[in-house]
Amino acid sequence: MREERQLGIRKLAPEDAVHLRVWLNDERVLTYYEGRDRPHDDAMIRANFFPEDDEGVSRFLVLFGEEPIGYVQYYPVDSQDKLAYGYSPDEAIYGMDQFIGEPVYWNKGLGSRLVSSVVQALSTEKHATRVIMDPQAWNRRAIRCYEKCGFRKVKLLPRHEWHEGKKRNCWLMEWRAED
């Protein structure tokens, strides 16, 4: 009988920078996250993942069994962004970003398991009424994963994100508690 490894997360720690450095210098990962023209050096990793002011962002290392395989973060969406996206400023909305940094674990359903478990935790522990993400419109694999987890496309965000030398369209996608 094959033992199934557990997928989990733990708070990101300074010693995890070594994993981030490997993942964010892998062209396969950078194709989808940050861009192949933005490999991360130590200073970028410190600035992006270990800032002095975290602005409410909760950062985690993704583990498969004991093996680090990726990264996930979530954060309360601020009032300005809520209004820009057409939401009520009083609503409990969280944004989330993630990636599986070990390509050997791609296309195995782990991304869906990760997204679903984080969304469930945000719903129960933070009382989130919505969780939003903004994948680039060309990233069909990510969009399929998010749709599988109950997200739906709600708004095209033209020229929303800088990626590999140009502004790219993104989809505002949301998961709603009432769904």
C-alpha atoms as a PDB file:
ATOM      1  CA  MET A   1       0.000   0.000   0.000  1.00  0.00           C
ATOM      2  CA  ARG A   2       1.399   3.380  -1.048  1.00  0.00           C
ATOM      3  CA  GLU A   3       1.509   6.077   1.627  1.00  0.00           C
ATOM      4  CA  GLU A   4       0.196   9.425   0.425  1.00  0.00           C
ATOM      5  CA  ARG A   5       2.302  12.378   1.496  1.00  0.00           C
ATOM      6  CA  GLN A   6       0.532  15.281   3.087  1.00  0.00           C
ATOM      7  CA  LEU A   7       0.495  18.706   1.501  1.00  0.00           C
ATOM      8  CA  GLY A   8       0.994  21.444   4.076  1.00  0.00           C
ATOM      9  CA  ILE A   9       2.286  24.918   4.719  1.00  0.00           C
ATOM     10  CA  ARG A  10       4.372  26.546   7.410  1.00  0.00           C
ATOM     11  CA  LYS A  11       5.411  30.142   8.040  1.00  0.00           C
ATOM     12  CA  LEU A  12       8.230  31.265   5.787  1.00  0.00           C
ATOM     13  CA  ALA A  13      11.533  31.460   7.679  1.00  0.00           C
ATOM     14  CA  PRO A  14      14.828  33.171   6.713  1.00  0.00           C
ATOM     15  CA  GLU A  15      16.478  29.812   6.058  1.00  0.00           C
ATOM     16  CA  ASP A  16      13.862  29.202   3.330  1.00  0.00           C
ATOM     17  CA  ALA A  17      15.565  31.819   1.158  1.00  0.00           C
ATOM     18  CA  VAL A  18      17.717  29.037  -0.282  1.00  0.00           C
ATOM     19  CA  HIS A  19      14.615  27.380  -1.789  1.00  0.00           C
ATOM     20  CA  LEU A  20      13.238  30.661  -3.113  1.00  0.00           C
ATOM     21  CA  ARG A  21      16.604  31.411  -4.732  1.00  0.00           C
ATOM     22  CA  VAL A  22      16.578  28.069  -6.576  1.00  0.00           C
ATOM     23  CA  TRP A  23      12.956  28.370  -7.688  1.00  0.00           C
ATOM     24  CA  LEU A  24      13.175  32.013  -8.733  1.00  0.00           C
ATOM     25  CA  ASN A  25      16.199  31.312 -10.901  1.00  0.00           C
ATOM     26  CA  ASP A  26      14.568  28.399 -12.726  1.00  0.00           C
ATOM     27  CA  GLU A  27      13.335  29.542 -16.157  1.00  0.00           C
ATOM     28  CA  ARG A  28      10.456  27.052 -16.004  1.00  0.00           C
ATOM     29  CA  VAL A  29       9.139  28.706 -12.822  1.00  0.00           C
ATOM     30  CA  LEU A  30       9.925  32.240 -13.983  1.00  0.00           C
ATOM     31  CA  THR A  31       7.882  31.667 -17.145  1.00  0.00           C
ATOM     32  CA  TYR A  32       4.796  31.857 -14.922  1.00  0.00           C
ATOM     33  CA  TYR A  33       5.960  33.778 -11.852  1.00  0.00           C
ATOM     34  CA  GLU A  34       7.825  37.092 -12.191  1.00  0.00           C
ATOM     35  CA  GLY A  35       9.194  36.451 -15.714  1.00  0.00           C
ATOM     36  CA  ARG A  36      12.324  34.881 -17.155  1.00  0.00           C
ATOM     37  CA  ASP A  37      13.907  38.341 -17.329  1.00  0.00           C
ATOM     38  CA  ARG A  38      13.676  38.667 -13.510  1.00  0.00           C
ATOM     39  CA  PRO A  39      15.805  36.000 -11.875  1.00  0.00           C
ATOM     40  CA  HIS A  40      16.075  36.788  -8.169  1.00  0.00           C
ATOM     41  CA  ASP A  41      19.291  37.528  -6.378  1.00  0.00           C
ATOM     42  CA  ASP A  42      19.591  37.610  -2.577  1.00  0.00           C
ATOM     43  CA  ALA A  43      18.619  41.287  -2.357  1.00  0.00           C
ATOM     44  CA  MET A  44      15.416  40.733  -4.373  1.00  0.00           C
ATOM     45  CA  ILE A  45      14.485  37.725  -2.268  1.00  0.00           C
ATOM     46  CA  ARG A  46      14.974  39.718   0.954  1.00  0.00           C
ATOM     47  CA  ALA A  47      12.975  42.663  -0.400  1.00  0.00           C
ATOM     48  CA  ASN A  48      10.102  40.595  -1.820  1.00  0.00           C
ATOM     49  CA  PHE A  49       9.777  37.793   0.720  1.00  0.00           C
ATOM     50  CA  PHE A  50      11.315  39.108   3.958  1.00  0.00           C
ATOM     51  CA  PRO A  51      10.474  42.849   4.008  1.00  0.00           C
ATOM     52  CA  GLU A  52      10.705  44.823   7.233  1.00  0.00           C
ATOM     53  CA  ASP A  53       7.102  46.000   6.769  1.00  0.00           C
ATOM     54  CA  ASP A  54       5.000  43.045   5.665  1.00  0.00           C
ATOM     55  CA  GLU A  55       1.852  45.181   5.116  1.00  0.00           C
ATOM     56  CA  GLY A  56      -0.332  42.347   6.431  1.00  0.00           C
ATOM     57  CA  VAL A  57       0.998  39.710   4.017  1.00  0.00           C
ATOM     58  CA  SER A  58       1.183  36.197   5.464  1.00  0.00           C
ATOM     59  CA  ARG A  59       3.931  34.166   3.744  1.00  0.00           C
ATOM     60  CA  PHE A  60       4.321  30.379   3.786  1.00  0.00           C
ATOM     61  CA  LEU A  61       6.511  27.620   2.463  1.00  0.00           C
ATOM     62  CA  VAL A  62       4.560  24.802   0.799  1.00  0.00           C
ATOM     63  CA  LEU A  63       5.597  21.310   1.880  1.00  0.00           C
ATOM     64  CA  PHE A  64       4.851  17.941   0.343  1.00  0.00           C
ATOM     65  CA  GLY A  65       5.583  15.603   3.192  1.00  0.00           C
ATOM     66  CA  GLU A  66       8.762  17.185   4.556  1.00  0.00           C
ATOM     67  CA  GLU A  67       9.953  18.422   1.147  1.00  0.00           C
ATOM     68  CA  PRO A  68       9.717  22.153   0.333  1.00  0.00           C
ATOM     69  CA  ILE A  69       8.013  22.451  -3.054  1.00  0.00           C
ATOM     70  CA  GLY A  70       6.571  25.956  -3.279  1.00  0.00           C
ATOM     71  CA  TYR A  71       5.345  29.206  -1.854  1.00  0.00           C
ATOM     72  CA  VAL A  72       1.973  30.761  -0.984  1.00  0.00           C
ATOM     73  CA  GLN A  73       0.969  34.124   0.438  1.00  0.00           C
ATOM     74  CA  TYR A  74      -2.307  35.786   1.309  1.00  0.00           C
ATOM     75  CA  TYR A  75      -3.248  39.273   2.456  1.00  0.00           C
ATOM     76  CA  PRO A  76      -6.311  41.375   3.202  1.00  0.00           C
ATOM     77  CA  VAL A  77      -7.201  43.453   0.145  1.00  0.00           C
ATOM     78  CA  ASP A  78      -7.008  47.157   0.967  1.00  0.00           C
ATOM     79  CA  SER A  79      -9.949  49.549   0.561  1.00  0.00           C
ATOM     80  CA  GLN A  80      -8.451  51.268  -2.485  1.00  0.00           C
ATOM     81  CA  ASP A  81      -8.121  47.977  -4.393  1.00  0.00           C
ATOM     82  CA  LYS A  82     -11.576  46.863  -3.288  1.00  0.00           C
ATOM     83  CA  LEU A  83     -13.081  50.013  -4.777  1.00  0.00           C
ATOM     84  CA  ALA A  84     -10.997  49.713  -7.964  1.00  0.00           C
ATOM     85  CA  TYR A  85     -12.292  46.155  -8.456  1.00  0.00           C
ATOM     86  CA  GLY A  86     -15.896  47.117  -7.672  1.00  0.00           C
ATOM     87  CA  TYR A  87     -16.158  45.595  -4.195  1.00  0.00           C
ATOM     88  CA  SER A  88     -17.555  47.053  -0.997  1.00  0.00           C
ATOM     89  CA  PRO A  89     -14.829  48.455   1.281  1.00  0.00           C
ATOM     90  CA  ASP A  90     -16.493  46.681   4.239  1.00  0.00           C
ATOM     91  CA  GLU A  91     -16.255  43.193   2.759  1.00  0.00           C
ATOM     92  CA  ALA A  92     -13.685  40.660   4.083  1.00  0.00           C
ATOM     93  CA  ILE A  93     -11.669  40.034   0.902  1.00  0.00           C
ATOM     94  CA  TYR A  94      -8.278  38.363   0.714  1.00  0.00           C
ATOM     95  CA  GLY A  95      -5.841  38.174  -2.150  1.00  0.00           C
ATOM     96  CA  MET A  96      -3.570  35.220  -2.691  1.00  0.00           C
ATOM     97  CA  ASP A  97      -0.537  34.269  -4.788  1.00  0.00           C
ATOM     98  CA  GLN A  98       1.277  30.981  -5.032  1.00  0.00           C
ATOM     99  CA  PHE A  99       3.553  28.794  -7.089  1.00  0.00           C
ATOM    100  CA  ILE A 100       4.865  25.256  -7.070  1.00  0.00           C
ATOM    101  CA  GLY A 101       8.611  25.807  -7.396  1.00  0.00           C
ATOM    102  CA  GLU A 102       9.571  22.203  -8.069  1.00  0.00           C
ATOM    103  CA  PRO A 103       8.473  21.432 -11.663  1.00  0.00           C
ATOM    104  CA  VAL A 104       8.584  17.675 -10.955  1.00  0.00           C
ATOM    105  CA  TYR A 105       5.400  18.283  -8.914  1.00  0.00           C
ATOM    106  CA  TRP A 106       3.532  20.169 -11.649  1.00  0.00           C
ATOM    107  CA  ASN A 107       0.416  18.616 -13.192  1.00  0.00           C
ATOM    108  CA  LYS A 108      -0.186  16.302 -10.235  1.00  0.00           C
ATOM    109  CA  GLY A 109      -3.118  18.152  -8.657  1.00  0.00           C
ATOM    110  CA  LEU A 110      -1.016  19.699  -5.878  1.00  0.00           C
ATOM    111  CA  GLY A 111      -1.759  23.272  -6.965  1.00  0.00           C
ATOM    112  CA  SER A 112      -5.498  22.586  -6.730  1.00  0.00           C
ATOM    113  CA  ARG A 113      -5.096  20.973  -3.326  1.00  0.00           C
ATOM    114  CA  LEU A 114      -3.017  23.937  -2.121  1.00  0.00           C
ATOM    115  CA  VAL A 115      -5.413  26.609  -3.390  1.00  0.00           C
ATOM    116  CA  SER A 116      -8.487  24.792  -2.057  1.00  0.00           C
ATOM    117  CA  SER A 117      -6.987  24.308   1.404  1.00  0.00           C
ATOM    118  CA  VAL A 118      -5.819  27.924   1.726  1.00  0.00           C
ATOM    119  CA  VAL A 119      -9.200  29.239   0.540  1.00  0.00           C
ATOM    120  CA  GLN A 120     -10.972  26.983   3.049  1.00  0.00           C
ATOM    121  CA  ALA A 121      -8.717  28.264   5.840  1.00  0.00           C
ATOM    122  CA  LEU A 122      -9.306  31.893   4.823  1.00  0.00           C
ATOM    123  CA  SER A 123     -13.046  31.268   4.838  1.00  0.00           C
ATOM    124  CA  THR A 124     -13.166  29.582   8.233  1.00  0.00           C
ATOM    125  CA  GLU A 125     -10.339  31.305  10.116  1.00  0.00           C
ATOM    126  CA  LYS A 126     -10.425  34.819   8.613  1.00  0.00           C
ATOM    127  CA  HIS A 127     -14.127  34.829   7.676  1.00  0.00           C
ATOM    128  CA  ALA A 128     -13.255  35.798   4.100  1.00  0.00           C
ATOM    129  CA  THR A 129     -16.329  36.348   1.964  1.00  0.00           C
ATOM    130  CA  ARG A 130     -14.195  36.441  -1.194  1.00  0.00           C
ATOM    131  CA  VAL A 131     -10.694  35.437  -2.203  1.00  0.00           C
ATOM    132  CA  ILE A 132      -9.246  37.009  -5.334  1.00  0.00           C
ATOM    133  CA  MET A 133      -6.336  36.329  -7.670  1.00  0.00           C
ATOM    134  CA  ASP A 134      -5.159  37.962 -10.881  1.00  0.00           C
ATOM    135  CA  PRO A 135      -3.494  35.396 -13.169  1.00  0.00           C
ATOM    136  CA  GLN A 136      -2.198  36.532 -16.525  1.00  0.00           C
ATOM    137  CA  ALA A 137      -4.806  35.873 -19.211  1.00  0.00           C
ATOM    138  CA  TRP A 138      -2.470  33.639 -21.231  1.00  0.00           C
ATOM    139  CA  ASN A 139      -1.799  31.310 -18.268  1.00  0.00           C
ATOM    140  CA  ARG A 140      -4.489  28.740 -19.053  1.00  0.00           C
ATOM    141  CA  ARG A 141      -3.051  26.127 -16.713  1.00  0.00           C
ATOM    142  CA  ALA A 142      -3.357  28.416 -13.675  1.00  0.00           C
ATOM    143  CA  ILE A 143      -6.819  29.590 -14.712  1.00  0.00           C
ATOM    144  CA  ARG A 144      -8.030  25.960 -15.043  1.00  0.00           C
ATOM    145  CA  CYS A 145      -6.588  25.176 -11.604  1.00  0.00           C
ATOM    146  CA  TYR A 146      -8.375  28.134 -10.014  1.00  0.00           C
ATOM    147  CA  GLU A 147     -11.670  27.349 -11.759  1.00  0.00           C
ATOM    148  CA  LYS A 148     -11.386  23.772 -10.475  1.00  0.00           C
ATOM    149  CA  CYS A 149     -11.144  25.289  -6.964  1.00  0.00           C
ATOM    150  CA  GLY A 150     -14.328  27.334  -7.369  1.00  0.00           C
ATOM    151  CA  PHE A 151     -12.904  30.606  -8.702  1.00  0.00           C
ATOM    152  CA  ARG A 152     -14.541  32.359 -11.619  1.00  0.00           C
ATOM    153  CA  LYS A 153     -13.371  35.078 -13.962  1.00  0.00           C
ATOM    154  CA  VAL A 154     -15.083  38.339 -13.086  1.00  0.00           C
ATOM    155  CA  LYS A 155     -13.179  41.081 -14.885  1.00  0.00           C
ATOM    156  CA  LEU A 156     -10.454  41.426 -17.501  1.00  0.00           C
ATOM    157  CA  LEU A 157      -7.667  43.684 -16.221  1.00  0.00           C
ATOM    158  CA  PRO A 158      -6.016  45.135 -19.360  1.00  0.00           C
ATOM    159  CA  ARG A 159      -2.263  45.719 -19.205  1.00  0.00           C
ATOM    160  CA  HIS A 160      -2.351  44.912 -15.497  1.00  0.00           C
ATOM    161  CA  GLU A 161       1.019  43.252 -14.835  1.00  0.00           C
ATOM    162  CA  TRP A 162       4.544  43.765 -16.147  1.00  0.00           C
ATOM    163  CA  HIS A 163       5.907  40.421 -17.368  1.00  0.00           C
ATOM    164  CA  GLU A 164       8.870  39.752 -19.622  1.00  0.00           C
ATOM    165  CA  GLY A 165       9.167  43.220 -21.065  1.00  0.00           C
ATOM    166  CA  LYS A 166       5.545  44.239 -21.508  1.00  0.00           C
ATOM    167  CA  LYS A 167       2.282  44.880 -19.710  1.00  0.00           C
ATOM    168  CA  ARG A 168       0.089  41.769 -19.772  1.00  0.00           C
ATOM    169  CA  ASN A 169      -3.646  41.361 -19.455  1.00  0.00           C
ATOM    170  CA  CYS A 170      -4.816  39.532 -16.356  1.00  0.00           C
ATOM    171  CA  TRP A 171      -8.099  38.122 -15.158  1.00  0.00           C
ATOM    172  CA  LEU A 172      -9.540  39.161 -11.844  1.00  0.00           C
ATOM    173  CA  MET A 173     -10.791  35.836 -10.503  1.00  0.00           C
ATOM    174  CA  GLU A 174     -12.787  35.368  -7.341  1.00  0.00           C
ATOM    175  CA  TRP A 175     -13.960  32.677  -5.022  1.00  0.00           C
ATOM    176  CA  ARG A 176     -17.118  33.616  -3.134  1.00  0.00           C
ATOM    177  CA  ALA A 177     -18.221  32.101   0.157  1.00  0.00           C
ATOM    178  CA  GLU A 178     -21.862  32.047  -0.927  1.00  0.00           C
ATOM    179  CA  ASP A 179     -20.987  29.817  -3.891  1.00  0.00           C
END
